[in-house]
């Protein structure tokens, strides 16, 4: 998620030009700053392109996961049915 945050900040604000949060307890702020700062001088256009490409990869993964999950459900149902059938014999 930090990757998407960093691409968003780079695309909307440009390169990170603010100091890193210094509070001991501000781990969230530091992580967000580190992610954004790691992009360096990436252009806004490149950040937008990377954001869209990575979202598409996540969507592809989620589509494949749903397909695999559906297959597992079918296999589990079939296994349960066969177990009951064997027990009935």
C-alpha atoms as a PDB file:
ATOM      1  CA  UNK A   1       0.000   0.000   0.000  1.00  0.00           C
ATOM      2  CA  UNK A   2       2.888   2.337   0.639  1.00  0.00           C
ATOM      3  CA  UNK A   3       3.915   1.932  -2.984  1.00  0.00           C
ATOM      4  CA  UNK A   4       0.524   3.245  -4.130  1.00  0.00           C
ATOM      5  CA  UNK A   5       0.747   6.093  -1.626  1.00  0.00           C
ATOM      6  CA  UNK A   6       4.191   7.056  -2.905  1.00  0.00           C
ATOM      7  CA  UNK A   7       3.063   7.002  -6.550  1.00  0.00           C
ATOM      8  CA  UNK A   8       0.028   9.114  -5.646  1.00  0.00           C
ATOM      9  CA  UNK A   9       2.131  11.703  -3.789  1.00  0.00           C
ATOM     10  CA  UNK A  10       4.713  11.802  -6.584  1.00  0.00           C
ATOM     11  CA  UNK A  11       2.004  12.253  -9.217  1.00  0.00           C
ATOM     12  CA  UNK A  12       0.074  14.934  -7.336  1.00  0.00           C
ATOM     13  CA  UNK A  13       2.830  16.798  -5.472  1.00  0.00           C
ATOM     14  CA  UNK A  14       6.057  15.902  -7.237  1.00  0.00           C
ATOM     15  CA  UNK A  15       9.300  14.763  -5.598  1.00  0.00           C
ATOM     16  CA  UNK A  16       9.409  14.661  -1.812  1.00  0.00           C
ATOM     17  CA  UNK A  17      10.670  18.015  -0.597  1.00  0.00           C
ATOM     18  CA  UNK A  18       9.684  17.940   3.069  1.00  0.00           C
ATOM     19  CA  UNK A  19      11.833  16.803   6.001  1.00  0.00           C
ATOM     20  CA  UNK A  20      11.411  13.274   7.340  1.00  0.00           C
ATOM     21  CA  UNK A  21       9.128  13.128  10.413  1.00  0.00           C
ATOM     22  CA  UNK A  22      11.271  13.019  13.517  1.00  0.00           C
ATOM     23  CA  UNK A  23       8.814  11.926  16.189  1.00  0.00           C
ATOM     24  CA  UNK A  24       9.763   8.644  17.849  1.00  0.00           C
ATOM     25  CA  UNK A  25       6.189   7.346  17.712  1.00  0.00           C
ATOM     26  CA  UNK A  26       5.426   8.542  14.175  1.00  0.00           C
ATOM     27  CA  UNK A  27       6.303   5.262  12.478  1.00  0.00           C
ATOM     28  CA  UNK A  28       3.444   5.658   9.983  1.00  0.00           C
ATOM     29  CA  UNK A  29       4.620   9.099   8.916  1.00  0.00           C
ATOM     30  CA  UNK A  30       8.206   7.874   8.582  1.00  0.00           C
ATOM     31  CA  UNK A  31       7.161   4.862   6.490  1.00  0.00           C
ATOM     32  CA  UNK A  32       5.076   7.061   4.194  1.00  0.00           C
ATOM     33  CA  UNK A  33       7.901   9.585   3.859  1.00  0.00           C
ATOM     34  CA  UNK A  34      10.437   6.824   3.142  1.00  0.00           C
ATOM     35  CA  UNK A  35       8.230   5.344   0.419  1.00  0.00           C
ATOM     36  CA  UNK A  36       7.632   8.710  -1.233  1.00  0.00           C
ATOM     37  CA  UNK A  37      11.235   9.836  -0.890  1.00  0.00           C
ATOM     38  CA  UNK A  38      12.492   6.582  -2.431  1.00  0.00           C
ATOM     39  CA  UNK A  39      11.013   7.628  -5.785  1.00  0.00           C
ATOM     40  CA  UNK A  40      13.555  10.444  -6.056  1.00  0.00           C
ATOM     41  CA  UNK A  41      13.005  12.609  -9.123  1.00  0.00           C
ATOM     42  CA  UNK A  42      10.547  10.289 -10.880  1.00  0.00           C
ATOM     43  CA  UNK A  43       8.322  12.326 -13.167  1.00  0.00           C
ATOM     44  CA  UNK A  44       4.645  12.793 -12.395  1.00  0.00           C
ATOM     45  CA  UNK A  45       3.744  10.997 -15.613  1.00  0.00           C
ATOM     46  CA  UNK A  46       5.934   8.008 -14.754  1.00  0.00           C
ATOM     47  CA  UNK A  47       4.398   7.832 -11.261  1.00  0.00           C
ATOM     48  CA  UNK A  48       0.880   7.844 -12.760  1.00  0.00           C
ATOM     49  CA  UNK A  49       1.877   5.156 -15.264  1.00  0.00           C
ATOM     50  CA  UNK A  50       3.428   2.968 -12.555  1.00  0.00           C
ATOM     51  CA  UNK A  51       0.377   3.430 -10.329  1.00  0.00           C
ATOM     52  CA  UNK A  52      -1.978   2.233 -13.062  1.00  0.00           C
ATOM     53  CA  UNK A  53       0.287  -0.688 -14.071  1.00  0.00           C
ATOM     54  CA  UNK A  54       0.606  -1.888 -10.479  1.00  0.00           C
ATOM     55  CA  UNK A  55      -3.148  -1.588  -9.872  1.00  0.00           C
ATOM     56  CA  UNK A  56      -3.686  -3.722 -12.967  1.00  0.00           C
ATOM     57  CA  UNK A  57      -1.282  -6.344 -11.552  1.00  0.00           C
ATOM     58  CA  UNK A  58      -3.203  -6.385  -8.275  1.00  0.00           C
ATOM     59  CA  UNK A  59      -6.482  -6.786 -10.166  1.00  0.00           C
ATOM     60  CA  UNK A  60      -5.010  -9.656 -12.186  1.00  0.00           C
ATOM     61  CA  UNK A  61      -3.833 -11.328  -8.982  1.00  0.00           C
ATOM     62  CA  UNK A  62      -7.240 -10.864  -7.355  1.00  0.00           C
ATOM     63  CA  UNK A  63      -9.009 -12.302 -10.418  1.00  0.00           C
ATOM     64  CA  UNK A  64      -6.703 -15.336 -10.370  1.00  0.00           C
ATOM     65  CA  UNK A  65      -7.180 -15.735  -6.621  1.00  0.00           C
ATOM     66  CA  UNK A  66     -10.966 -15.732  -7.037  1.00  0.00           C
ATOM     67  CA  UNK A  67     -10.644 -18.395  -9.731  1.00  0.00           C
ATOM     68  CA  UNK A  68      -8.362 -20.547  -7.566  1.00  0.00           C
ATOM     69  CA  UNK A  69     -10.577 -20.038  -4.528  1.00  0.00           C
ATOM     70  CA  UNK A  70     -13.635 -21.096  -6.504  1.00  0.00           C
ATOM     71  CA  UNK A  71     -11.822 -24.213  -7.722  1.00  0.00           C
ATOM     72  CA  UNK A  72     -10.806 -25.089  -4.159  1.00  0.00           C
ATOM     73  CA  UNK A  73     -14.412 -24.730  -3.021  1.00  0.00           C
ATOM     74  CA  UNK A  74     -15.566 -27.138  -5.735  1.00  0.00           C
ATOM     75  CA  UNK A  75     -12.819 -29.642  -4.840  1.00  0.00           C
ATOM     76  CA  UNK A  76     -13.670 -29.423  -1.123  1.00  0.00           C
ATOM     77  CA  UNK A  77     -17.370 -29.953  -1.843  1.00  0.00           C
ATOM     78  CA  UNK A  78     -16.622 -32.936  -4.078  1.00  0.00           C
ATOM     79  CA  UNK A  79     -14.278 -34.417  -1.442  1.00  0.00           C
ATOM     80  CA  UNK A  80     -16.951 -34.051   1.228  1.00  0.00           C
ATOM     81  CA  UNK A  81     -19.518 -35.722  -1.027  1.00  0.00           C
ATOM     82  CA  UNK A  82     -17.198 -38.638  -1.821  1.00  0.00           C
ATOM     83  CA  UNK A  83     -16.374 -39.069   1.875  1.00  0.00           C
ATOM     84  CA  UNK A  84     -20.084 -39.282   2.710  1.00  0.00           C
ATOM     85  CA  UNK A  85     -20.610 -41.715  -0.139  1.00  0.00           C
ATOM     86  CA  UNK A  86     -17.818 -43.979   1.079  1.00  0.00           C
ATOM     87  CA  UNK A  87     -19.116 -43.836   4.652  1.00  0.00           C
ATOM     88  CA  UNK A  88     -22.605 -44.769   3.445  1.00  0.00           C
ATOM     89  CA  UNK A  89     -21.296 -47.913   1.748  1.00  0.00           C
END
